[in-house]
Amino acid sequence: MSRRIVNRYAGLCRLYHQDVPASTGIAVKDDEPHAPWQVEHAEDCPPNPHNPDDTPTWDIDGGEGYGREPFISGASRREQWWTGRGGPGPDAVPGGLFLDEDRDEDRRVFGVVTMVTAHARYYSEEGMSFGVGDEEGYYYYYSARVRAATEQEAAPVLEAEARHKARSDLETRRKSLLRWMVGDVADARHPERGAPELESLHALPQVPLRPYDQPVL
């Protein structure tokens, strides 16, 4: 039987992952050995504004020292997670794809998600003990509960990726054309924008755009 008292401290609701201010909810502790105190709402949990339809969620996290950036509640962006740790497969999220697979068939997925809740914890102690990604402290460990982004939420992310890919393809074709015209030059340099020598580039043969490159970049 669990212990239930008024929560003295603010916390994250263990049921719907929303903030519960101090003295407004219930602190619960199971009878299992070393069970932690957890917080929940005193009455029915209110709907989360970033997950009004109660869509299935899962957790992602990582340390600042590993390149992880802060999560922002309500924001949509591309993230990665492991299927063996509660996350869905690529078919469940917009732009989903597999990145790799480990020996236990725990596959890493890359897709567009929306942050339902977001948290950051600061560590001033030795960093590697907590997975923040640095041998010294003074780093943050970020965590978030996320859901699959809707088509509307994912659209700006996928459109930005498509524009970036189109620019990258054009740059690759430009470099290929220059190598074909003048070959590889050992002492080549990149002139500043507006330099007189760039005017001669207008005389180079133009490569027609493919149909899917036509939108303005």
C-alpha atoms as a PDB file:
ATOM      1  CA  MET A   1       0.000   0.000   0.000  1.00  0.00           C
ATOM      2  CA  SER A   2       1.427   3.385  -1.000  1.00  0.00           C
ATOM      3  CA  ARG A   3       1.850   6.424   1.245  1.00  0.00           C
ATOM      4  CA  ARG A   4       0.044   9.597   0.154  1.00  0.00           C
ATOM      5  CA  ILE A   5       0.592  13.072   1.601  1.00  0.00           C
ATOM      6  CA  VAL A   6       0.294  16.671   0.371  1.00  0.00           C
ATOM      7  CA  ASN A   7       3.305  17.503  -1.800  1.00  0.00           C
ATOM      8  CA  ARG A   8       5.672  19.895  -0.012  1.00  0.00           C
ATOM      9  CA  TYR A   9       7.636  20.531  -3.217  1.00  0.00           C
ATOM     10  CA  ALA A  10       6.699  21.165  -6.823  1.00  0.00           C
ATOM     11  CA  GLY A  11       7.158  18.242  -9.188  1.00  0.00           C
ATOM     12  CA  LEU A  12       6.184  16.580 -12.415  1.00  0.00           C
ATOM     13  CA  CYS A  13       2.940  14.592 -12.371  1.00  0.00           C
ATOM     14  CA  ARG A  14       3.814  10.906 -12.675  1.00  0.00           C
ATOM     15  CA  LEU A  15       0.619  10.236 -14.638  1.00  0.00           C
ATOM     16  CA  TYR A  16       0.419  13.023 -17.235  1.00  0.00           C
ATOM     17  CA  HIS A  17       3.835  14.665 -16.903  1.00  0.00           C
ATOM     18  CA  GLN A  18       2.688  18.186 -16.099  1.00  0.00           C
ATOM     19  CA  ASP A  19       4.034  20.497 -13.413  1.00  0.00           C
ATOM     20  CA  VAL A  20       2.289  20.297 -10.036  1.00  0.00           C
ATOM     21  CA  PRO A  21       2.974  23.347  -7.796  1.00  0.00           C
ATOM     22  CA  ALA A  22       3.919  22.773  -4.173  1.00  0.00           C
ATOM     23  CA  SER A  23       1.041  22.062  -1.762  1.00  0.00           C
ATOM     24  CA  THR A  24      -1.508  21.639  -4.575  1.00  0.00           C
ATOM     25  CA  GLY A  25      -1.115  17.922  -5.307  1.00  0.00           C
ATOM     26  CA  ILE A  26      -0.312  14.580  -3.728  1.00  0.00           C
ATOM     27  CA  ALA A  27       3.102  13.067  -3.042  1.00  0.00           C
ATOM     28  CA  VAL A  28       3.003   9.277  -3.428  1.00  0.00           C
ATOM     29  CA  LYS A  29       5.541   6.673  -2.334  1.00  0.00           C
ATOM     30  CA  ASP A  30       5.151   2.951  -3.021  1.00  0.00           C
ATOM     31  CA  ASP A  31       6.017   0.362  -0.373  1.00  0.00           C
ATOM     32  CA  GLU A  32       8.763  -1.164  -2.503  1.00  0.00           C
ATOM     33  CA  PRO A  33      12.293  -0.794  -1.071  1.00  0.00           C
ATOM     34  CA  HIS A  34      14.002   2.461  -2.079  1.00  0.00           C
ATOM     35  CA  ALA A  35      10.882   3.663  -3.922  1.00  0.00           C
ATOM     36  CA  PRO A  36      11.080   7.417  -4.625  1.00  0.00           C
ATOM     37  CA  TRP A  37       8.455   9.988  -3.803  1.00  0.00           C
ATOM     38  CA  GLN A  38       6.439  10.968  -6.875  1.00  0.00           C
ATOM     39  CA  VAL A  39       3.890  13.709  -7.430  1.00  0.00           C
ATOM     40  CA  GLU A  40       0.456  13.641  -9.008  1.00  0.00           C
ATOM     41  CA  HIS A  41      -2.511  15.971  -9.218  1.00  0.00           C
ATOM     42  CA  ALA A  42      -4.937  15.905  -6.303  1.00  0.00           C
ATOM     43  CA  GLU A  43      -7.878  15.640  -8.707  1.00  0.00           C
ATOM     44  CA  ASP A  44      -8.194  14.661 -12.368  1.00  0.00           C
ATOM     45  CA  CYS A  45      -5.118  15.638 -14.367  1.00  0.00           C
ATOM     46  CA  PRO A  46      -5.810  18.553 -16.727  1.00  0.00           C
ATOM     47  CA  PRO A  47      -5.142  17.950 -20.449  1.00  0.00           C
ATOM     48  CA  ASN A  48      -1.646  18.865 -21.541  1.00  0.00           C
ATOM     49  CA  PRO A  49      -1.841  21.782 -24.019  1.00  0.00           C
ATOM     50  CA  HIS A  50       0.918  20.153 -26.093  1.00  0.00           C
ATOM     51  CA  ASN A  51      -0.873  16.801 -26.228  1.00  0.00           C
ATOM     52  CA  PRO A  52      -4.611  17.564 -26.109  1.00  0.00           C
ATOM     53  CA  ASP A  53      -5.569  14.266 -27.769  1.00  0.00           C
ATOM     54  CA  ASP A  54      -3.544  12.190 -25.284  1.00  0.00           C
ATOM     55  CA  THR A  55      -1.404  10.743 -28.077  1.00  0.00           C
ATOM     56  CA  PRO A  56       1.091   8.052 -26.966  1.00  0.00           C
ATOM     57  CA  THR A  57       4.374   9.512 -25.712  1.00  0.00           C
ATOM     58  CA  TRP A  58       7.899   8.315 -24.986  1.00  0.00           C
ATOM     59  CA  ASP A  59      11.039   9.756 -23.388  1.00  0.00           C
ATOM     60  CA  ILE A  60      14.246  11.061 -24.969  1.00  0.00           C
ATOM     61  CA  ASP A  61      17.227  12.572 -23.176  1.00  0.00           C
ATOM     62  CA  GLY A  62      20.902  13.378 -23.391  1.00  0.00           C
ATOM     63  CA  GLY A  63      23.735  15.421 -21.963  1.00  0.00           C
ATOM     64  CA  GLU A  64      24.901  18.826 -23.119  1.00  0.00           C
ATOM     65  CA  GLY A  65      28.444  17.488 -23.416  1.00  0.00           C
ATOM     66  CA  TYR A  66      27.278  15.035 -26.096  1.00  0.00           C
ATOM     67  CA  GLY A  67      25.881  17.863 -28.208  1.00  0.00           C
ATOM     68  CA  ARG A  68      22.309  17.608 -26.949  1.00  0.00           C
ATOM     69  CA  GLU A  69      20.428  20.909 -27.169  1.00  0.00           C
ATOM     70  CA  PRO A  70      17.717  22.040 -24.746  1.00  0.00           C
ATOM     71  CA  PHE A  71      14.186  20.810 -25.356  1.00  0.00           C
ATOM     72  CA  ILE A  72      11.321  23.311 -25.581  1.00  0.00           C
ATOM     73  CA  SER A  73       7.781  22.301 -24.648  1.00  0.00           C
ATOM     74  CA  GLY A  74       5.484  22.528 -27.673  1.00  0.00           C
ATOM     75  CA  ALA A  75       8.329  22.741 -30.203  1.00  0.00           C
ATOM     76  CA  SER A  76       8.582  20.305 -33.121  1.00  0.00           C
ATOM     77  CA  ARG A  77      11.900  19.122 -34.511  1.00  0.00           C
ATOM     78  CA  ARG A  78      13.745  16.031 -35.696  1.00  0.00           C
ATOM     79  CA  GLU A  79      15.057  13.792 -32.918  1.00  0.00           C
ATOM     80  CA  GLN A  80      16.344  10.242 -32.488  1.00  0.00           C
ATOM     81  CA  TRP A  81      15.523   7.443 -30.058  1.00  0.00           C
ATOM     82  CA  TRP A  82      15.762   3.650 -29.595  1.00  0.00           C
ATOM     83  CA  THR A  83      12.839   1.308 -30.206  1.00  0.00           C
ATOM     84  CA  GLY A  84      13.955  -0.963 -27.369  1.00  0.00           C
ATOM     85  CA  ARG A  85      13.522   1.861 -24.856  1.00  0.00           C
ATOM     86  CA  GLY A  86       9.867   2.601 -25.478  1.00  0.00           C
ATOM     87  CA  GLY A  87      10.031   4.601 -28.710  1.00  0.00           C
ATOM     88  CA  PRO A  88       8.008   3.702 -31.844  1.00  0.00           C
ATOM     89  CA  GLY A  89       9.269   2.657 -35.255  1.00  0.00           C
ATOM     90  CA  PRO A  90       9.752   5.056 -38.178  1.00  0.00           C
ATOM     91  CA  ASP A  91       6.275   4.452 -39.615  1.00  0.00           C
ATOM     92  CA  ALA A  92       4.711   6.119 -36.566  1.00  0.00           C
ATOM     93  CA  VAL A  93       6.295   9.558 -37.089  1.00  0.00           C
ATOM     94  CA  PRO A  94       6.611  12.016 -40.005  1.00  0.00           C
ATOM     95  CA  GLY A  95       9.902  11.693 -41.860  1.00  0.00           C
ATOM     96  CA  GLY A  96      10.784   8.582 -39.865  1.00  0.00           C
ATOM     97  CA  LEU A  97      13.698   6.354 -40.817  1.00  0.00           C
ATOM     98  CA  PHE A  98      16.029   3.795 -39.240  1.00  0.00           C
ATOM     99  CA  LEU A  99      19.595   4.901 -38.499  1.00  0.00           C
ATOM    100  CA  ASP A 100      21.136   1.659 -37.285  1.00  0.00           C
ATOM    101  CA  GLU A 101      20.497  -1.555 -35.354  1.00  0.00           C
ATOM    102  CA  ASP A 102      22.356  -3.152 -32.468  1.00  0.00           C
ATOM    103  CA  ARG A 103      22.836  -6.813 -31.616  1.00  0.00           C
ATOM    104  CA  ASP A 104      19.609  -7.016 -29.589  1.00  0.00           C
ATOM    105  CA  GLU A 105      17.493  -5.645 -32.460  1.00  0.00           C
ATOM    106  CA  ASP A 106      17.180  -2.349 -30.593  1.00  0.00           C
ATOM    107  CA  ARG A 107      16.918  -0.002 -33.546  1.00  0.00           C
ATOM    108  CA  ARG A 108      17.605   3.722 -33.573  1.00  0.00           C
ATOM    109  CA  VAL A 109      14.914   5.857 -35.218  1.00  0.00           C
ATOM    110  CA  PHE A 110      15.116   9.396 -36.598  1.00  0.00           C
ATOM    111  CA  GLY A 111      11.866  11.359 -37.004  1.00  0.00           C
ATOM    112  CA  VAL A 112       9.910  14.563 -36.336  1.00  0.00           C
ATOM    113  CA  VAL A 113       8.371  14.822 -32.870  1.00  0.00           C
ATOM    114  CA  THR A 114       6.676  17.435 -30.694  1.00  0.00           C
ATOM    115  CA  MET A 115       7.853  18.072 -27.118  1.00  0.00           C
ATOM    116  CA  VAL A 116       5.047  17.486 -24.619  1.00  0.00           C
ATOM    117  CA  THR A 117       7.187  18.329 -21.580  1.00  0.00           C
ATOM    118  CA  ALA A 118      10.812  19.452 -21.321  1.00  0.00           C
ATOM    119  CA  HIS A 119      13.242  19.574 -18.413  1.00  0.00           C
ATOM    120  CA  ALA A 120      16.879  20.396 -17.725  1.00  0.00           C
ATOM    121  CA  ARG A 121      18.998  19.341 -14.752  1.00  0.00           C
ATOM    122  CA  TYR A 122      22.247  21.044 -13.899  1.00  0.00           C
ATOM    123  CA  TYR A 123      25.207  19.027 -12.604  1.00  0.00           C
ATOM    124  CA  SER A 124      28.121  20.742 -10.919  1.00  0.00           C
ATOM    125  CA  GLU A 125      29.883  17.450 -10.096  1.00  0.00           C
ATOM    126  CA  GLU A 126      32.027  15.230 -12.295  1.00  0.00           C
ATOM    127  CA  GLY A 127      30.090  14.972 -15.531  1.00  0.00           C
ATOM    128  CA  MET A 128      30.680  11.444 -16.812  1.00  0.00           C
ATOM    129  CA  SER A 129      28.918   9.939 -13.797  1.00  0.00           C
ATOM    130  CA  PHE A 130      25.652  11.380 -14.987  1.00  0.00           C
ATOM    131  CA  GLY A 131      25.963  10.982 -18.746  1.00  0.00           C
ATOM    132  CA  VAL A 132      26.252  14.678 -19.455  1.00  0.00           C
ATOM    133  CA  GLY A 133      29.166  14.011 -21.787  1.00  0.00           C
ATOM    134  CA  ASP A 134      32.130  15.736 -20.204  1.00  0.00           C
ATOM    135  CA  GLU A 135      34.760  14.765 -17.661  1.00  0.00           C
ATOM    136  CA  GLU A 136      34.101  17.923 -15.694  1.00  0.00           C
ATOM    137  CA  GLY A 137      30.800  19.229 -14.387  1.00  0.00           C
ATOM    138  CA  TYR A 138      28.966  22.464 -15.092  1.00  0.00           C
ATOM    139  CA  TYR A 139      26.833  20.775 -17.743  1.00  0.00           C
ATOM    140  CA  TYR A 140      23.111  20.217 -18.207  1.00  0.00           C
ATOM    141  CA  TYR A 141      21.276  16.954 -18.730  1.00  0.00           C
ATOM    142  CA  TYR A 142      18.162  17.419 -20.845  1.00  0.00           C
ATOM    143  CA  SER A 143      15.070  15.228 -20.954  1.00  0.00           C
ATOM    144  CA  ALA A 144      11.713  15.437 -22.673  1.00  0.00           C
ATOM    145  CA  ARG A 145       8.530  13.461 -23.138  1.00  0.00           C
ATOM    146  CA  VAL A 146       7.580  13.591 -26.817  1.00  0.00           C
ATOM    147  CA  ARG A 147       4.883  12.424 -29.222  1.00  0.00           C
ATOM    148  CA  ALA A 148       4.724  12.019 -32.971  1.00  0.00           C
ATOM    149  CA  ALA A 149       4.303  15.408 -34.645  1.00  0.00           C
ATOM    150  CA  THR A 150       1.136  15.981 -36.645  1.00  0.00           C
ATOM    151  CA  GLU A 151       1.390  16.588 -40.393  1.00  0.00           C
ATOM    152  CA  GLN A 152       0.843  20.302 -39.799  1.00  0.00           C
ATOM    153  CA  GLU A 153       3.529  20.466 -37.082  1.00  0.00           C
ATOM    154  CA  ALA A 154       6.033  18.483 -39.148  1.00  0.00           C
ATOM    155  CA  ALA A 155       5.521  20.412 -42.400  1.00  0.00           C
ATOM    156  CA  PRO A 156       7.903  23.349 -41.604  1.00  0.00           C
ATOM    157  CA  VAL A 157      10.618  20.924 -40.458  1.00  0.00           C
ATOM    158  CA  LEU A 158      10.363  18.726 -43.565  1.00  0.00           C
ATOM    159  CA  GLU A 159      10.176  21.756 -45.892  1.00  0.00           C
ATOM    160  CA  ALA A 160      13.334  23.249 -44.337  1.00  0.00           C
ATOM    161  CA  GLU A 161      15.118  19.914 -44.809  1.00  0.00           C
ATOM    162  CA  ALA A 162      14.026  19.773 -48.455  1.00  0.00           C
ATOM    163  CA  ARG A 163      15.332  23.316 -49.078  1.00  0.00           C
ATOM    164  CA  HIS A 164      18.637  22.446 -47.435  1.00  0.00           C
ATOM    165  CA  LYS A 165      19.000  19.325 -49.565  1.00  0.00           C
ATOM    166  CA  ALA A 166      18.210  21.256 -52.755  1.00  0.00           C
ATOM    167  CA  ARG A 167      20.856  23.866 -51.896  1.00  0.00           C
ATOM    168  CA  SER A 168      23.364  21.120 -51.148  1.00  0.00           C
ATOM    169  CA  ASP A 169      22.616  19.386 -54.468  1.00  0.00           C
ATOM    170  CA  LEU A 170      23.062  22.645 -56.367  1.00  0.00           C
ATOM    171  CA  GLU A 171      26.382  23.315 -54.634  1.00  0.00           C
ATOM    172  CA  THR A 172      27.594  19.819 -55.509  1.00  0.00           C
ATOM    173  CA  ARG A 173      26.644  20.309 -59.159  1.00  0.00           C
ATOM    174  CA  ARG A 174      28.340  23.720 -59.237  1.00  0.00           C
ATOM    175  CA  LYS A 175      31.604  22.285 -57.943  1.00  0.00           C
ATOM    176  CA  SER A 176      31.390  19.383 -60.377  1.00  0.00           C
ATOM    177  CA  LEU A 177      30.887  21.761 -63.307  1.00  0.00           C
ATOM    178  CA  LEU A 178      33.844  23.925 -62.288  1.00  0.00           C
ATOM    179  CA  ARG A 179      36.085  20.870 -61.994  1.00  0.00           C
ATOM    180  CA  TRP A 180      34.974  19.778 -65.476  1.00  0.00           C
ATOM    181  CA  MET A 181      35.674  23.253 -66.919  1.00  0.00           C
ATOM    182  CA  VAL A 182      38.993  24.106 -65.279  1.00  0.00           C
ATOM    183  CA  GLY A 183      40.100  20.942 -63.465  1.00  0.00           C
ATOM    184  CA  ASP A 184      41.454  20.788 -59.929  1.00  0.00           C
ATOM    185  CA  VAL A 185      43.620  23.781 -59.067  1.00  0.00           C
ATOM    186  CA  ALA A 186      46.095  23.227 -56.229  1.00  0.00           C
ATOM    187  CA  ASP A 187      46.251  26.904 -55.163  1.00  0.00           C
ATOM    188  CA  ALA A 188      42.538  27.627 -55.644  1.00  0.00           C
ATOM    189  CA  ARG A 189      40.933  30.226 -53.416  1.00  0.00           C
ATOM    190  CA  HIS A 190      37.388  31.422 -52.787  1.00  0.00           C
ATOM    191  CA  PRO A 191      36.954  35.076 -53.854  1.00  0.00           C
ATOM    192  CA  GLU A 192      34.904  37.424 -51.736  1.00  0.00           C
ATOM    193  CA  ARG A 193      31.369  38.223 -52.870  1.00  0.00           C
ATOM    194  CA  GLY A 194      31.455  40.920 -55.572  1.00  0.00           C
ATOM    195  CA  ALA A 195      35.084  40.259 -56.587  1.00  0.00           C
ATOM    196  CA  PRO A 196      35.764  41.164 -60.290  1.00  0.00           C
ATOM    197  CA  GLU A 197      36.929  37.639 -61.150  1.00  0.00           C
ATOM    198  CA  LEU A 198      33.481  36.285 -60.290  1.00  0.00           C
ATOM    199  CA  GLU A 199      31.954  38.155 -63.237  1.00  0.00           C
ATOM    200  CA  SER A 200      33.381  35.583 -65.644  1.00  0.00           C
ATOM    201  CA  LEU A 201      31.257  32.858 -64.031  1.00  0.00           C
ATOM    202  CA  HIS A 202      28.210  34.214 -65.851  1.00  0.00           C
ATOM    203  CA  ALA A 203      29.753  32.983 -69.107  1.00  0.00           C
ATOM    204  CA  LEU A 204      29.851  29.358 -67.923  1.00  0.00           C
ATOM    205  CA  PRO A 205      27.284  26.952 -69.400  1.00  0.00           C
ATOM    206  CA  GLN A 206      24.133  26.837 -67.316  1.00  0.00           C
ATOM    207  CA  VAL A 207      22.878  23.505 -65.974  1.00  0.00           C
ATOM    208  CA  PRO A 208      19.076  23.202 -66.314  1.00  0.00           C
ATOM    209  CA  LEU A 209      17.222  22.622 -63.072  1.00  0.00           C
ATOM    210  CA  ARG A 210      15.407  19.358 -62.581  1.00  0.00           C
ATOM    211  CA  PRO A 211      11.602  19.679 -62.096  1.00  0.00           C
ATOM    212  CA  TYR A 212      11.764  19.252 -58.321  1.00  0.00           C
ATOM    213  CA  ASP A 213      14.453  21.971 -58.041  1.00  0.00           C
ATOM    214  CA  GLN A 214      12.191  24.628 -59.519  1.00  0.00           C
ATOM    215  CA  PRO A 215      10.716  26.138 -56.279  1.00  0.00           C
ATOM    216  CA  VAL A 216      12.430  29.312 -55.114  1.00  0.00           C
ATOM    217  CA  LEU A 217      15.145  28.492 -52.548  1.00  0.00           C
END
